């Protein structure tokens, strides 16, 4: 493994740890995927319709954020596998080398800037 791949690996591992911590605050891992924790919606009808709508909206917003975090986590995991396999820094589309500037900006990049 070249020195820059090792440096990127350390950075990716740190970000992976942080993402897992962030996700664990609002989601639980089930069958390899993260599921947003559901708030207890008022199904007994004690609250006004507007309050229940607010609960649903809050859940939907949180679920969208969780999906973004999970997607980033998947990209990082894929990059770590590529580092271990010796294929890190190769564009998934055209198979050309991804520039170091792009990897510095996004160490989990799957493609180079032109793809």
Protein backbone atom coordinates (compact mmCIF):
# COMPACT_ATOMS: atom_id res chain seq x y z
CA UNK A 1 0.00 0.00 0.00
CA UNK A 2 1.43 3.38 -0.94
CA UNK A 3 1.87 6.01 1.81
CA UNK A 4 -1.00 8.18 0.56
CA UNK A 5 -3.41 5.21 0.64
CA UNK A 6 -2.37 4.57 4.25
CA UNK A 7 -3.00 8.23 5.09
CA UNK A 8 -6.43 8.09 3.42
CA UNK A 9 -7.19 4.85 5.27
CA UNK A 10 -6.62 6.54 8.64
CA UNK A 11 -8.85 9.44 7.61
CA UNK A 12 -11.57 7.08 6.35
CA UNK A 13 -11.49 5.00 9.54
CA UNK A 14 -11.91 8.13 11.66
CA UNK A 15 -14.85 9.33 9.57
CA UNK A 16 -16.42 5.86 9.66
CA UNK A 17 -16.24 5.85 13.46
CA UNK A 18 -17.86 9.29 13.65
CA UNK A 19 -20.64 8.33 11.22
CA UNK A 20 -21.42 5.18 13.20
CA UNK A 21 -21.61 7.25 16.41
CA UNK A 22 -23.87 9.81 14.73
CA UNK A 23 -26.14 7.13 13.29
CA UNK A 24 -26.38 5.27 16.59
CA UNK A 25 -27.93 8.37 18.18
CA UNK A 26 -30.94 8.36 15.86
CA UNK A 27 -31.02 4.89 14.32
CA UNK A 28 -30.50 1.22 15.08
CA UNK A 29 -28.62 -1.24 12.93
CA UNK A 30 -30.74 -4.07 11.59
CA UNK A 31 -29.69 -6.64 8.97
CA UNK A 32 -26.71 -4.52 7.97
CA UNK A 33 -28.74 -1.34 7.46
CA UNK A 34 -29.59 1.56 9.71
CA UNK A 35 -33.24 2.16 10.57
CA UNK A 36 -34.31 5.51 11.98
CA UNK A 37 -35.76 5.14 15.45
CA UNK A 38 -39.45 5.85 15.32
CA UNK A 39 -40.83 8.28 17.80
CA UNK A 40 -43.97 7.20 19.56
CA UNK A 41 -46.63 8.73 17.38
CA UNK A 42 -49.87 9.53 19.14
CA UNK A 43 -52.03 6.73 17.83
CA UNK A 44 -54.51 7.01 20.69
CA UNK A 45 -55.72 10.36 19.37
CA UNK A 46 -54.77 12.41 22.42
CA UNK A 47 -53.08 15.10 20.37
CA UNK A 48 -54.34 17.38 17.69
CA UNK A 49 -53.86 16.40 14.08
CA UNK A 50 -51.31 19.19 13.64
CA UNK A 51 -49.14 17.83 16.46
CA UNK A 52 -49.20 14.35 14.94
CA UNK A 53 -48.28 15.85 11.57
CA UNK A 54 -45.32 17.58 13.22
CA UNK A 55 -44.18 14.24 14.67
CA UNK A 56 -44.37 12.59 11.26
CA UNK A 57 -42.51 15.46 9.59
CA UNK A 58 -39.76 15.32 12.21
CA UNK A 59 -39.38 11.57 11.67
CA UNK A 60 -39.22 11.99 7.88
CA UNK A 61 -36.55 14.69 8.19
CA UNK A 62 -34.49 12.54 10.54
CA UNK A 63 -34.86 9.52 8.26
CA UNK A 64 -33.58 11.57 5.30
CA UNK A 65 -30.50 12.63 7.25
CA UNK A 66 -29.93 9.04 8.38
CA UNK A 67 -30.10 7.85 4.75
CA UNK A 68 -27.44 10.41 3.77
CA UNK A 69 -25.19 9.30 6.64
CA UNK A 70 -25.68 5.64 5.75
CA UNK A 71 -24.84 6.31 2.09
CA UNK A 72 -21.64 8.07 3.13
CA UNK A 73 -20.82 5.18 5.46
CA UNK A 74 -21.31 2.72 2.58
CA UNK A 75 -18.95 4.79 0.38
CA UNK A 76 -16.32 4.82 3.11
CA UNK A 77 -16.64 1.08 3.69
CA UNK A 78 -16.22 0.47 -0.05
CA UNK A 79 -13.11 2.69 -0.11
CA UNK A 80 -11.61 0.79 2.83
CA UNK A 81 -12.22 -2.52 1.04
CA UNK A 82 -10.50 -1.11 -2.05
CA UNK A 83 -7.49 -0.05 0.01
CA UNK A 84 -7.20 -3.56 1.42
CA UNK A 85 -7.60 -5.07 -2.07
CA UNK A 86 -5.06 -2.71 -3.62
CA UNK A 87 -7.60 -1.11 -5.97
CA UNK A 88 -8.06 2.18 -4.14
CA UNK A 89 -8.00 5.32 -6.28
CA UNK A 90 -9.26 3.65 -9.47
CA UNK A 91 -12.38 5.11 -11.10
CA UNK A 92 -15.29 2.67 -11.06
CA UNK A 93 -16.52 3.86 -14.45
CA UNK A 94 -13.49 4.27 -16.70
CA UNK A 95 -10.89 2.41 -14.60
CA UNK A 96 -8.44 5.36 -14.75
CA UNK A 97 -6.61 6.64 -11.72
CA UNK A 98 -8.46 9.16 -9.54
CA UNK A 99 -6.33 12.25 -8.95
CA UNK A 100 -4.87 12.84 -5.51
CA UNK A 101 -6.56 16.26 -5.28
CA UNK A 102 -9.97 14.59 -5.67
CA UNK A 103 -9.13 11.92 -3.11
CA UNK A 104 -7.90 14.60 -0.73
CA UNK A 105 -11.23 16.41 -1.09
CA UNK A 106 -13.22 13.16 -0.86
CA UNK A 107 -11.22 10.08 0.17
CA UNK A 108 -14.26 7.88 -0.55
CA UNK A 109 -14.58 9.09 -4.15
CA UNK A 110 -15.64 6.29 -6.49
CA UNK A 111 -14.95 8.15 -9.74
CA UNK A 112 -12.54 10.76 -11.00
CA UNK A 113 -13.70 14.29 -11.67
CA UNK A 114 -14.53 13.73 -15.37
CA UNK A 115 -16.80 10.71 -14.95
